[in-house]
Each structure stands twice: as structure tokens, then as C-alpha cells.
Amino acid sequence: MPSPFDQSRYQVRVEWGTAGLTRLAPAEIVVLVDVLLDSTSVADAVARGDRAPVPPSLAEAVAAAGDALVYAAGLTNATAVAREVLAEQQRRADRTSVAVIALGDADDRGGLRVAVEDQFGVGAVVDALGTLGIDHTSPEAAAAGESFRGLRRALRHLLTASGAGQALLDAGRRDEVLAAARIDAVDVVPVLRDGVFVTA
């Protein structure tokens, strides 16, 4: 039975974490976003021509995606992912539902910590989809897209100033944070095939 929280009336849906993904109505495409950690590293690996195994932080969400086509996205490849979603919709010759999932971080109790960098990454994907005409978005997706558009020029600073960004800076990983903040720096789309991410 439909739920008021499943966003089933919208083509583009946004939620947080694996629990959020399971709360949504099933979608044909699931886009997983983990800006400062695994989605960006997966995209970089695939850009080098490597096959990238599913990182532990993405494994639960990948399993929850079921039969959906799964892409990994961050700020660095948001537009490329949106173009691939449009191409997939054209291959299907039918309107295709898209769930864009901000993975967030685990807090010290093992629960979900909302991570602002993933909010921006989701927003970048939603914004790019809208630019291509896939713009029937849920309120949650619209809010994410607007947060990205409104703060786009400040993203480099915001990522380094965020909690996760500060933790990485403290660990001597500033270059990784700055690399993850490069909007549309890579034109590659990691897609899950046979349990690994490869280029779409």
C-alpha cells in the first residue's frame, strides 16, 4: 500500500541512507551518493579503467536497491551520471523513476549522521537531471537541488569546514577533500554490474 513518505508520485526522489531507500517506492534507477568517501573513490577508480569492488559503506544500500540499476555519484561526476540516467530512460523509451540516496556517515552509536557534503552531492545530481529535463521532483529532491544551486560557489569551503571534512583534514587528507569538491571533474559513471562498479 502506498505511503505518504514513499515519494511514489514523483519521478526523482531523495532520501537518506539505506533505511530511506527502503522507505521509498521502488525505483528503476538508484544513485548512491557519498561525496567525501566511497562514491568519489569509486568514480576515480573507474576513471582509471579499474573495476571497483563495492565499498563497505555502500554494500547495504546496494543490497537494498534490489533489481534497480545502481550508479555511484558525487560532486565530481554528477552531470555525467545525470546524462547516463537520461540515456537509460531513452533506452527504455519510458519515464524512468530515480531514487537519489545520500548515504551520510555513521555516528558514534552506529546510526545515521546526516552529512552536508552528501546533501550537496544529491543536490548536484538533482540539478543536473533537471537541466536535462528530468525535473518531476519530490519536495525532498527540490530542496536538495536548491541547496546545491544556492551554495555552489562556496562548496569547496563548505566541504573543508564540514564535520567530515574537518576529520579528514585532521587525518592529513586535505587533498582528498579538495578533490571531492571538484564539480564535474570526471566524465565517468560507475554502474554496478555483477557485484562490482565498472564504467557505464
N, C-alpha and C. Protein backbone atom coordinates (compact mmCIF):
# COMPACT_ATOMS: atom_id res chain seq x y z
N MET A 1 0.85 -1.19 0.00
CA MET A 1 0.00 0.00 0.00
C MET A 1 0.89 1.25 0.00
N PRO A 2 0.58 2.24 -0.86
CA PRO A 2 1.40 3.45 -0.90
C PRO A 2 1.47 4.15 0.45
N SER A 3 2.60 4.77 0.70
CA SER A 3 2.81 5.52 1.93
C SER A 3 2.99 7.00 1.58
N PRO A 4 2.59 7.91 2.46
CA PRO A 4 2.84 9.34 2.20
C PRO A 4 4.33 9.66 2.09
N PHE A 5 5.18 8.76 2.56
CA PHE A 5 6.62 9.02 2.58
C PHE A 5 7.39 8.30 1.47
N ASP A 6 6.69 7.60 0.56
CA ASP A 6 7.41 6.82 -0.44
C ASP A 6 7.74 7.61 -1.70
N GLN A 7 7.23 8.85 -1.81
CA GLN A 7 7.51 9.75 -2.94
C GLN A 7 7.14 9.11 -4.28
N SER A 8 6.22 8.15 -4.28
CA SER A 8 5.90 7.40 -5.49
C SER A 8 5.27 8.25 -6.58
N ARG A 9 4.71 9.39 -6.23
CA ARG A 9 4.08 10.22 -7.27
C ARG A 9 5.10 11.02 -8.06
N TYR A 10 6.37 10.97 -7.66
CA TYR A 10 7.41 11.77 -8.32
C TYR A 10 8.40 10.88 -9.06
N GLN A 11 8.96 11.41 -10.13
CA GLN A 11 9.97 10.67 -10.89
C GLN A 11 11.31 10.67 -10.17
N VAL A 12 11.71 11.82 -9.62
CA VAL A 12 13.00 11.95 -8.94
C VAL A 12 12.74 12.06 -7.45
N ARG A 13 13.31 11.13 -6.69
CA ARG A 13 13.06 11.01 -5.25
C ARG A 13 14.39 11.10 -4.50
N VAL A 14 14.35 11.63 -3.30
CA VAL A 14 15.57 11.76 -2.49
C VAL A 14 15.29 11.26 -1.09
N GLU A 15 16.25 10.51 -0.56
CA GLU A 15 16.18 10.03 0.82
C GLU A 15 17.58 9.88 1.38
N TRP A 16 17.64 9.53 2.68
CA TRP A 16 18.91 9.37 3.39
C TRP A 16 19.12 7.92 3.79
N GLY A 17 20.27 7.38 3.45
CA GLY A 17 20.70 6.07 3.93
C GLY A 17 19.87 4.91 3.42
N THR A 18 20.27 3.72 3.86
CA THR A 18 19.58 2.51 3.42
C THR A 18 18.14 2.49 3.91
N ALA A 19 17.91 2.94 5.13
CA ALA A 19 16.52 2.98 5.64
C ALA A 19 15.66 3.89 4.77
N GLY A 20 16.22 5.01 4.34
CA GLY A 20 15.49 5.91 3.46
C GLY A 20 15.20 5.28 2.12
N LEU A 21 16.17 4.56 1.58
CA LEU A 21 15.98 3.87 0.31
C LEU A 21 14.83 2.87 0.40
N THR A 22 14.77 2.12 1.49
CA THR A 22 13.69 1.14 1.64
C THR A 22 12.34 1.81 1.92
N ARG A 23 12.37 3.04 2.39
CA ARG A 23 11.13 3.78 2.63
C ARG A 23 10.50 4.27 1.32
N LEU A 24 11.34 4.50 0.31
CA LEU A 24 10.85 4.98 -0.97
C LEU A 24 10.16 3.87 -1.75
N ALA A 25 9.27 4.26 -2.64
CA ALA A 25 8.73 3.31 -3.61
C ALA A 25 9.89 2.80 -4.46
N PRO A 26 9.85 1.54 -4.89
CA PRO A 26 10.94 1.01 -5.72
C PRO A 26 11.14 1.88 -6.97
N ALA A 27 12.41 2.11 -7.31
CA ALA A 27 12.75 2.90 -8.49
C ALA A 27 13.54 2.04 -9.47
N GLU A 28 13.46 2.40 -10.74
CA GLU A 28 14.24 1.67 -11.75
C GLU A 28 15.73 1.97 -11.64
N ILE A 29 16.06 3.18 -11.20
CA ILE A 29 17.46 3.59 -11.05
C ILE A 29 17.68 4.09 -9.63
N VAL A 30 18.79 3.66 -9.03
CA VAL A 30 19.21 4.15 -7.72
C VAL A 30 20.59 4.78 -7.87
N VAL A 31 20.73 6.02 -7.44
CA VAL A 31 22.00 6.74 -7.47
C VAL A 31 22.48 6.89 -6.02
N LEU A 32 23.62 6.30 -5.70
CA LEU A 32 24.18 6.35 -4.35
C LEU A 32 25.22 7.47 -4.28
N VAL A 33 25.10 8.32 -3.27
CA VAL A 33 25.96 9.49 -3.15
C VAL A 33 26.69 9.47 -1.81
N ASP A 34 28.02 9.44 -1.88
CA ASP A 34 28.89 9.50 -0.70
C ASP A 34 30.08 10.36 -1.09
N VAL A 35 29.97 11.67 -0.92
CA VAL A 35 30.88 12.62 -1.54
C VAL A 35 32.31 12.51 -1.03
N LEU A 36 32.50 12.48 0.28
CA LEU A 36 33.86 12.55 0.80
C LEU A 36 34.54 11.20 0.95
N LEU A 37 33.82 10.14 0.73
CA LEU A 37 34.46 8.84 0.89
C LEU A 37 34.28 7.99 -0.35
N ASP A 38 33.34 7.09 -0.32
CA ASP A 38 33.40 5.99 -1.27
C ASP A 38 32.91 6.27 -2.68
N SER A 39 31.85 7.05 -2.89
CA SER A 39 31.40 7.25 -4.27
C SER A 39 32.47 7.96 -5.09
N THR A 40 33.15 8.94 -4.49
CA THR A 40 34.20 9.66 -5.21
C THR A 40 35.37 8.73 -5.52
N SER A 41 35.77 7.88 -4.57
CA SER A 41 36.88 6.97 -4.83
C SER A 41 36.51 5.92 -5.86
N VAL A 42 35.25 5.49 -5.87
CA VAL A 42 34.78 4.55 -6.90
C VAL A 42 34.86 5.20 -8.27
N ALA A 43 34.39 6.44 -8.38
CA ALA A 43 34.44 7.15 -9.66
C ALA A 43 35.87 7.33 -10.13
N ASP A 44 36.79 7.65 -9.22
CA ASP A 44 38.19 7.81 -9.60
C ASP A 44 38.78 6.49 -10.09
N ALA A 45 38.44 5.38 -9.41
CA ALA A 45 38.95 4.07 -9.82
C ALA A 45 38.43 3.69 -11.19
N VAL A 46 37.15 3.90 -11.42
CA VAL A 46 36.56 3.55 -12.71
C VAL A 46 37.13 4.43 -13.81
N ALA A 47 37.41 5.71 -13.49
CA ALA A 47 38.00 6.62 -14.47
C ALA A 47 39.38 6.13 -14.91
N ARG A 48 40.09 5.43 -14.01
CA ARG A 48 41.40 4.88 -14.36
C ARG A 48 41.28 3.58 -15.15
N GLY A 49 40.06 3.10 -15.33
CA GLY A 49 39.85 1.85 -16.06
C GLY A 49 39.80 0.63 -15.17
N ASP A 50 39.79 0.84 -13.85
CA ASP A 50 39.74 -0.28 -12.91
C ASP A 50 38.30 -0.71 -12.67
N ARG A 51 38.13 -1.95 -12.24
CA ARG A 51 36.85 -2.43 -11.72
C ARG A 51 36.89 -2.18 -10.22
N ALA A 52 35.88 -1.52 -9.69
CA ALA A 52 35.89 -1.14 -8.28
C ALA A 52 34.93 -2.02 -7.50
N PRO A 53 35.43 -2.74 -6.50
CA PRO A 53 34.52 -3.51 -5.66
C PRO A 53 33.60 -2.58 -4.87
N VAL A 54 32.48 -3.11 -4.44
CA VAL A 54 31.54 -2.30 -3.66
C VAL A 54 32.15 -2.02 -2.29
N PRO A 55 32.38 -0.74 -1.96
CA PRO A 55 32.94 -0.41 -0.64
C PRO A 55 31.97 -0.80 0.47
N PRO A 56 32.48 -1.10 1.66
CA PRO A 56 31.60 -1.50 2.76
C PRO A 56 30.48 -0.50 3.04
N SER A 57 30.76 0.79 2.92
CA SER A 57 29.74 1.80 3.24
C SER A 57 28.59 1.81 2.23
N LEU A 58 28.82 1.25 1.04
CA LEU A 58 27.77 1.21 0.02
C LEU A 58 27.07 -0.14 -0.03
N ALA A 59 27.63 -1.15 0.62
CA ALA A 59 27.16 -2.53 0.45
C ALA A 59 25.70 -2.70 0.86
N GLU A 60 25.32 -2.14 2.00
CA GLU A 60 23.96 -2.31 2.49
C GLU A 60 22.96 -1.65 1.55
N ALA A 61 23.29 -0.46 1.06
CA ALA A 61 22.40 0.23 0.14
C ALA A 61 22.32 -0.48 -1.19
N VAL A 62 23.44 -1.03 -1.66
CA VAL A 62 23.43 -1.80 -2.90
C VAL A 62 22.49 -2.99 -2.77
N ALA A 63 22.55 -3.68 -1.64
CA ALA A 63 21.66 -4.82 -1.43
C ALA A 63 20.20 -4.38 -1.39
N ALA A 64 19.94 -3.23 -0.78
CA ALA A 64 18.56 -2.73 -0.67
C ALA A 64 18.01 -2.25 -2.00
N ALA A 65 18.89 -1.97 -2.96
CA ALA A 65 18.44 -1.47 -4.27
C ALA A 65 17.73 -2.55 -5.08
N GLY A 66 17.90 -3.80 -4.70
CA GLY A 66 17.21 -4.88 -5.40
C GLY A 66 17.61 -4.98 -6.86
N ASP A 67 16.61 -4.97 -7.74
CA ASP A 67 16.86 -5.12 -9.18
C ASP A 67 17.12 -3.80 -9.89
N ALA A 68 17.17 -2.71 -9.16
CA ALA A 68 17.39 -1.40 -9.78
C ALA A 68 18.80 -1.32 -10.39
N LEU A 69 18.93 -0.48 -11.39
CA LEU A 69 20.23 -0.14 -11.94
C LEU A 69 20.88 0.82 -10.95
N VAL A 70 22.11 0.54 -10.51
CA VAL A 70 22.76 1.32 -9.45
C VAL A 70 23.96 2.08 -9.99
N TYR A 71 23.99 3.39 -9.77
CA TYR A 71 25.11 4.23 -10.12
C TYR A 71 25.72 4.82 -8.85
N ALA A 72 27.00 5.15 -8.89
CA ALA A 72 27.68 5.86 -7.80
C ALA A 72 27.97 7.28 -8.26
N ALA A 73 27.62 8.25 -7.43
CA ALA A 73 27.77 9.66 -7.83
C ALA A 73 28.31 10.48 -6.69
N GLY A 74 28.95 11.57 -7.06
CA GLY A 74 29.42 12.59 -6.13
C GLY A 74 29.39 13.92 -6.85
N LEU A 75 29.99 14.91 -6.27
CA LEU A 75 30.09 16.21 -6.95
C LEU A 75 30.93 16.10 -8.21
N THR A 76 31.91 15.19 -8.20
CA THR A 76 32.86 15.13 -9.31
C THR A 76 32.26 14.57 -10.60
N ASN A 77 31.14 13.86 -10.52
CA ASN A 77 30.57 13.27 -11.74
C ASN A 77 29.06 13.40 -11.83
N ALA A 78 28.48 14.37 -11.13
CA ALA A 78 27.02 14.50 -11.08
C ALA A 78 26.40 14.66 -12.47
N THR A 79 26.97 15.51 -13.30
CA THR A 79 26.40 15.73 -14.63
C THR A 79 26.54 14.49 -15.50
N ALA A 80 27.66 13.80 -15.41
CA ALA A 80 27.84 12.58 -16.18
C ALA A 80 26.80 11.54 -15.78
N VAL A 81 26.54 11.42 -14.49
CA VAL A 81 25.52 10.47 -14.02
C VAL A 81 24.15 10.88 -14.55
N ALA A 82 23.82 12.15 -14.49
CA ALA A 82 22.53 12.61 -14.99
C ALA A 82 22.38 12.30 -16.48
N ARG A 83 23.43 12.49 -17.25
CA ARG A 83 23.37 12.17 -18.69
C ARG A 83 23.13 10.68 -18.90
N GLU A 84 23.76 9.85 -18.07
CA GLU A 84 23.57 8.40 -18.19
C GLU A 84 22.15 8.00 -17.79
N VAL A 85 21.58 8.66 -16.79
CA VAL A 85 20.18 8.39 -16.42
C VAL A 85 19.26 8.73 -17.59
N LEU A 86 19.49 9.87 -18.22
CA LEU A 86 18.69 10.25 -19.38
C LEU A 86 18.86 9.22 -20.51
N ALA A 87 20.08 8.78 -20.76
CA ALA A 87 20.32 7.78 -21.81
C ALA A 87 19.59 6.48 -21.49
N GLU A 88 19.60 6.09 -20.23
CA GLU A 88 18.89 4.86 -19.82
C GLU A 88 17.39 5.03 -20.02
N GLN A 89 16.87 6.19 -19.67
CA GLN A 89 15.45 6.45 -19.90
C GLN A 89 15.11 6.36 -21.38
N GLN A 90 15.98 6.90 -22.23
CA GLN A 90 15.75 6.83 -23.67
C GLN A 90 15.81 5.39 -24.17
N ARG A 91 16.73 4.58 -23.60
CA ARG A 91 16.79 3.17 -23.99
C ARG A 91 15.52 2.44 -23.61
N ARG A 92 14.95 2.79 -22.47
CA ARG A 92 13.71 2.15 -22.00
C ARG A 92 12.49 2.70 -22.74
N ALA A 93 12.62 3.86 -23.35
CA ALA A 93 11.52 4.51 -24.05
C ALA A 93 10.31 4.70 -23.13
N ASP A 94 10.59 5.04 -21.89
CA ASP A 94 9.52 5.25 -20.92
C ASP A 94 10.08 6.08 -19.77
N ARG A 95 9.20 6.85 -19.13
CA ARG A 95 9.64 7.63 -17.97
C ARG A 95 10.19 6.68 -16.91
N THR A 96 11.37 6.99 -16.41
CA THR A 96 12.10 6.09 -15.51
C THR A 96 12.24 6.76 -14.15
N SER A 97 11.86 6.03 -13.09
CA SER A 97 11.96 6.59 -11.75
C SER A 97 13.39 6.50 -11.23
N VAL A 98 13.78 7.53 -10.48
CA VAL A 98 15.16 7.67 -10.00
C VAL A 98 15.14 7.98 -8.51
N ALA A 99 15.81 7.15 -7.72
CA ALA A 99 16.00 7.41 -6.29
C ALA A 99 17.44 7.84 -6.08
N VAL A 100 17.63 9.05 -5.58
CA VAL A 100 18.97 9.57 -5.31
C VAL A 100 19.16 9.53 -3.79
N ILE A 101 20.14 8.75 -3.35
CA ILE A 101 20.28 8.44 -1.93
C ILE A 101 21.56 9.05 -1.36
N ALA A 102 21.39 9.95 -0.40
CA ALA A 102 22.53 10.49 0.35
C ALA A 102 22.88 9.47 1.43
N LEU A 103 24.09 8.95 1.40
CA LEU A 103 24.44 7.87 2.32
C LEU A 103 24.79 8.36 3.72
N GLY A 104 25.27 9.60 3.84
CA GLY A 104 25.62 10.10 5.17
C GLY A 104 26.76 9.31 5.79
N ASP A 105 26.95 9.50 7.08
CA ASP A 105 28.01 8.81 7.84
C ASP A 105 27.38 8.09 9.03
N ALA A 106 28.11 7.15 9.57
CA ALA A 106 27.68 6.52 10.82
C ALA A 106 28.09 7.40 11.99
N ASP A 107 27.17 7.59 12.93
CA ASP A 107 27.54 8.34 14.13
C ASP A 107 28.19 7.39 15.14
N ASP A 108 28.53 7.90 16.33
CA ASP A 108 29.26 7.08 17.30
C ASP A 108 28.41 5.97 17.91
N ARG A 109 27.11 5.96 17.61
CA ARG A 109 26.24 4.87 18.08
C ARG A 109 25.85 3.93 16.94
N GLY A 110 26.40 4.17 15.76
CA GLY A 110 26.09 3.32 14.62
C GLY A 110 24.87 3.75 13.84
N GLY A 111 24.27 4.88 14.23
CA GLY A 111 23.12 5.40 13.49
C GLY A 111 23.58 6.31 12.35
N LEU A 112 22.61 6.86 11.65
CA LEU A 112 22.91 7.72 10.51
C LEU A 112 23.20 9.14 10.97
N ARG A 113 24.35 9.67 10.52
CA ARG A 113 24.65 11.09 10.72
C ARG A 113 24.48 11.78 9.38
N VAL A 114 23.57 12.73 9.34
CA VAL A 114 23.35 13.48 8.10
C VAL A 114 24.61 14.27 7.79
N ALA A 115 25.13 14.09 6.58
CA ALA A 115 26.39 14.71 6.19
C ALA A 115 26.11 15.77 5.11
N VAL A 116 26.45 17.01 5.40
CA VAL A 116 26.10 18.10 4.50
C VAL A 116 26.71 17.91 3.11
N GLU A 117 27.89 17.31 3.04
CA GLU A 117 28.51 17.10 1.73
C GLU A 117 27.67 16.18 0.85
N ASP A 118 27.01 15.21 1.45
CA ASP A 118 26.16 14.32 0.66
C ASP A 118 24.87 15.02 0.25
N GLN A 119 24.38 15.94 1.08
CA GLN A 119 23.25 16.78 0.68
C GLN A 119 23.59 17.55 -0.59
N PHE A 120 24.80 18.12 -0.65
CA PHE A 120 25.20 18.86 -1.84
C PHE A 120 25.39 17.93 -3.04
N GLY A 121 25.94 16.74 -2.80
CA GLY A 121 26.13 15.79 -3.89
C GLY A 121 24.80 15.35 -4.49
N VAL A 122 23.84 15.05 -3.63
CA VAL A 122 22.50 14.71 -4.11
C VAL A 122 21.91 15.89 -4.88
N GLY A 123 22.08 17.09 -4.33
CA GLY A 123 21.57 18.28 -5.00
C GLY A 123 22.18 18.49 -6.37
N ALA A 124 23.48 18.19 -6.49
CA ALA A 124 24.15 18.33 -7.79
C ALA A 124 23.54 17.37 -8.82
N VAL A 125 23.24 16.15 -8.40
CA VAL A 125 22.63 15.18 -9.31
C VAL A 125 21.22 15.64 -9.69
N VAL A 126 20.43 16.07 -8.71
CA VAL A 126 19.07 16.54 -8.98
C VAL A 126 19.10 17.74 -9.92
N ASP A 127 20.01 18.67 -9.67
CA ASP A 127 20.14 19.86 -10.52
C ASP A 127 20.49 19.47 -11.95
N ALA A 128 21.44 18.55 -12.10
CA ALA A 128 21.85 18.11 -13.44
C ALA A 128 20.71 17.38 -14.16
N LEU A 129 19.96 16.57 -13.43
CA LEU A 129 18.79 15.90 -14.03
C LEU A 129 17.78 16.93 -14.51
N GLY A 130 17.51 17.94 -13.68
CA GLY A 130 16.56 18.99 -14.06
C GLY A 130 17.00 19.74 -15.30
N THR A 131 18.29 20.00 -15.41
CA THR A 131 18.81 20.68 -16.59
C THR A 131 18.55 19.88 -17.86
N LEU A 132 18.54 18.55 -17.73
CA LEU A 132 18.29 17.67 -18.87
C LEU A 132 16.81 17.38 -19.09
N GLY A 133 15.95 17.97 -18.26
CA GLY A 133 14.52 17.79 -18.45
C GLY A 133 13.87 16.75 -17.56
N ILE A 134 14.66 16.08 -16.73
CA ILE A 134 14.10 15.12 -15.77
C ILE A 134 13.87 15.90 -14.48
N ASP A 135 12.73 16.57 -14.42
CA ASP A 135 12.53 17.56 -13.36
C ASP A 135 11.23 17.39 -12.59
N HIS A 136 10.61 16.22 -12.67
CA HIS A 136 9.41 15.96 -11.86
C HIS A 136 9.90 15.45 -10.51
N THR A 137 10.27 16.39 -9.65
CA THR A 137 10.98 16.07 -8.41
C THR A 137 10.06 16.15 -7.20
N SER A 138 10.35 15.29 -6.23
CA SER A 138 9.68 15.38 -4.93
C SER A 138 10.14 16.65 -4.22
N PRO A 139 9.39 17.11 -3.20
CA PRO A 139 9.86 18.26 -2.43
C PRO A 139 11.25 18.04 -1.84
N GLU A 140 11.51 16.80 -1.40
CA GLU A 140 12.83 16.49 -0.84
C GLU A 140 13.93 16.68 -1.88
N ALA A 141 13.65 16.23 -3.11
CA ALA A 141 14.63 16.40 -4.19
C ALA A 141 14.78 17.86 -4.57
N ALA A 142 13.66 18.58 -4.63
CA ALA A 142 13.73 20.00 -4.98
C ALA A 142 14.55 20.78 -3.97
N ALA A 143 14.39 20.48 -2.68
CA ALA A 143 15.15 21.17 -1.65
C ALA A 143 16.64 20.88 -1.77
N ALA A 144 16.98 19.63 -2.09
CA ALA A 144 18.40 19.28 -2.27
C ALA A 144 18.99 20.03 -3.47
N GLY A 145 18.23 20.08 -4.56
CA GLY A 145 18.72 20.79 -5.74
C GLY A 145 18.94 22.27 -5.47
N GLU A 146 18.04 22.88 -4.75
CA GLU A 146 18.18 24.31 -4.43
C GLU A 146 19.36 24.56 -3.49
N SER A 147 19.61 23.65 -2.56
CA SER A 147 20.75 23.84 -1.66
C SER A 147 22.05 23.83 -2.45
N PHE A 148 22.13 22.94 -3.44
CA PHE A 148 23.33 22.91 -4.28
C PHE A 148 23.45 24.18 -5.10
N ARG A 149 22.38 24.57 -5.77
CA ARG A 149 22.44 25.76 -6.62
C ARG A 149 22.79 27.00 -5.81
N GLY A 150 22.16 27.15 -4.66
CA GLY A 150 22.36 28.34 -3.86
C GLY A 150 23.76 28.46 -3.26
N LEU A 151 24.39 27.32 -2.99
CA LEU A 151 25.68 27.34 -2.30
C LEU A 151 26.84 26.82 -3.17
N ARG A 152 26.59 26.63 -4.44
CA ARG A 152 27.58 26.04 -5.34
C ARG A 152 28.94 26.74 -5.27
N ARG A 153 28.94 28.06 -5.24
CA ARG A 153 30.20 28.79 -5.27
C ARG A 153 31.00 28.64 -3.98
N ALA A 154 30.33 28.20 -2.92
CA ALA A 154 31.01 28.05 -1.62
C ALA A 154 31.32 26.61 -1.27
N LEU A 155 31.10 25.67 -2.20
CA LEU A 155 31.20 24.26 -1.85
C LEU A 155 32.60 23.84 -1.38
N ARG A 156 33.62 24.36 -2.00
CA ARG A 156 34.98 23.98 -1.59
C ARG A 156 35.21 24.33 -0.11
N HIS A 157 34.82 25.54 0.26
CA HIS A 157 34.95 25.94 1.66
C HIS A 157 34.05 25.10 2.57
N LEU A 158 32.79 24.89 2.15
CA LEU A 158 31.85 24.17 2.99
C LEU A 158 32.28 22.72 3.22
N LEU A 159 32.86 22.09 2.21
CA LEU A 159 33.31 20.72 2.40
C LEU A 159 34.48 20.66 3.37
N THR A 160 35.42 21.59 3.27
CA THR A 160 36.55 21.56 4.20
C THR A 160 36.12 21.96 5.62
N ALA A 161 35.05 22.75 5.73
CA ALA A 161 34.58 23.20 7.04
C ALA A 161 33.59 22.23 7.70
N SER A 162 33.06 21.28 6.93
CA SER A 162 32.09 20.34 7.48
C SER A 162 32.74 19.40 8.49
N GLY A 163 31.92 18.73 9.29
CA GLY A 163 32.46 17.80 10.28
C GLY A 163 33.32 16.72 9.65
N ALA A 164 32.81 16.08 8.60
CA ALA A 164 33.58 15.02 7.94
C ALA A 164 34.83 15.59 7.29
N GLY A 165 34.70 16.77 6.71
CA GLY A 165 35.86 17.41 6.10
C GLY A 165 36.93 17.72 7.12
N GLN A 166 36.53 18.25 8.27
CA GLN A 166 37.49 18.55 9.33
C GLN A 166 38.19 17.29 9.84
N ALA A 167 37.42 16.21 9.96
CA ALA A 167 38.03 14.94 10.40
C ALA A 167 39.08 14.47 9.41
N LEU A 168 38.80 14.60 8.12
CA LEU A 168 39.78 14.19 7.11
C LEU A 168 40.98 15.13 7.11
N LEU A 169 40.75 16.43 7.28
CA LEU A 169 41.87 17.37 7.36
C LEU A 169 42.76 17.04 8.55
N ASP A 170 42.14 16.72 9.69
CA ASP A 170 42.91 16.36 10.88
C ASP A 170 43.74 15.10 10.66
N ALA A 171 43.27 14.24 9.77
CA ALA A 171 43.98 13.00 9.47
C ALA A 171 45.00 13.18 8.34
N GLY A 172 45.22 14.44 7.92
CA GLY A 172 46.21 14.70 6.86
C GLY A 172 45.70 14.39 5.47
N ARG A 173 44.37 14.42 5.27
CA ARG A 173 43.79 14.03 3.99
C ARG A 173 43.10 15.21 3.29
N ARG A 174 43.68 16.40 3.44
CA ARG A 174 43.09 17.61 2.83
C ARG A 174 42.94 17.47 1.32
N ASP A 175 43.92 16.87 0.65
CA ASP A 175 43.85 16.74 -0.80
C ASP A 175 42.62 15.94 -1.24
N GLU A 176 42.24 14.94 -0.44
CA GLU A 176 41.06 14.14 -0.78
C GLU A 176 39.79 14.97 -0.71
N VAL A 177 39.72 15.83 0.30
CA VAL A 177 38.54 16.69 0.45
C VAL A 177 38.45 17.66 -0.72
N LEU A 178 39.57 18.28 -1.07
CA LEU A 178 39.56 19.23 -2.18
C LEU A 178 39.25 18.53 -3.50
N ALA A 179 39.76 17.32 -3.67
CA ALA A 179 39.46 16.57 -4.90
C ALA A 179 37.97 16.25 -5.00
N ALA A 180 37.35 15.91 -3.87
CA ALA A 180 35.93 15.57 -3.87
C ALA A 180 35.05 16.78 -4.15
N ALA A 181 35.58 17.98 -3.95
CA ALA A 181 34.81 19.21 -4.17
C ALA A 181 34.85 19.70 -5.60
N ARG A 182 35.57 19.02 -6.48
CA ARG A 182 35.70 19.45 -7.88
C ARG A 182 34.42 19.07 -8.65
N ILE A 183 33.57 20.03 -8.91
CA ILE A 183 32.30 19.76 -9.57
C ILE A 183 32.54 19.34 -11.01
N ASP A 184 31.97 18.18 -11.37
CA ASP A 184 32.04 17.64 -12.74
C ASP A 184 33.47 17.52 -13.26
N ALA A 185 34.37 17.10 -12.39
CA ALA A 185 35.78 16.97 -12.79
C ALA A 185 36.04 15.71 -13.60
N VAL A 186 35.18 14.71 -13.47
CA VAL A 186 35.36 13.47 -14.23
C VAL A 186 34.09 13.17 -15.01
N ASP A 187 34.28 12.65 -16.21
CA ASP A 187 33.15 12.34 -17.09
C ASP A 187 32.96 10.83 -17.12
N VAL A 188 32.80 10.24 -15.96
CA VAL A 188 32.70 8.79 -15.86
C VAL A 188 31.53 8.45 -14.95
N VAL A 189 30.87 7.35 -15.27
CA VAL A 189 29.71 6.91 -14.49
C VAL A 189 29.92 5.48 -14.02
N PRO A 190 30.18 5.27 -12.73
CA PRO A 190 30.28 3.90 -12.23
C PRO A 190 28.89 3.27 -12.13
N VAL A 191 28.74 2.11 -12.75
CA VAL A 191 27.49 1.37 -12.69
C VAL A 191 27.79 -0.01 -12.13
N LEU A 192 26.89 -0.52 -11.31
CA LEU A 192 27.08 -1.83 -10.69
C LEU A 192 26.73 -2.93 -11.68
N ARG A 193 27.71 -3.80 -11.94
CA ARG A 193 27.49 -4.96 -12.81
C ARG A 193 28.19 -6.16 -12.18
N ASP A 194 27.44 -7.20 -11.95
CA ASP A 194 28.00 -8.45 -11.39
C ASP A 194 28.79 -8.20 -10.12
N GLY A 195 28.27 -7.32 -9.27
CA GLY A 195 28.85 -7.12 -7.96
C GLY A 195 30.02 -6.18 -7.87
N VAL A 196 30.40 -5.53 -9.00
CA VAL A 196 31.48 -4.55 -8.99
C VAL A 196 31.03 -3.33 -9.79
N PHE A 197 31.67 -2.19 -9.51
CA PHE A 197 31.39 -0.99 -10.29
C PHE A 197 32.33 -0.95 -11.48
N VAL A 198 31.75 -0.71 -12.65
CA VAL A 198 32.50 -0.54 -13.89
C VAL A 198 31.98 0.71 -14.57
N THR A 199 32.63 1.12 -15.65
CA THR A 199 32.17 2.30 -16.34
C THR A 199 30.92 1.97 -17.14
N ALA A 200 29.96 2.90 -17.12
CA ALA A 200 28.70 2.68 -17.82
C ALA A 200 28.90 2.77 -19.33
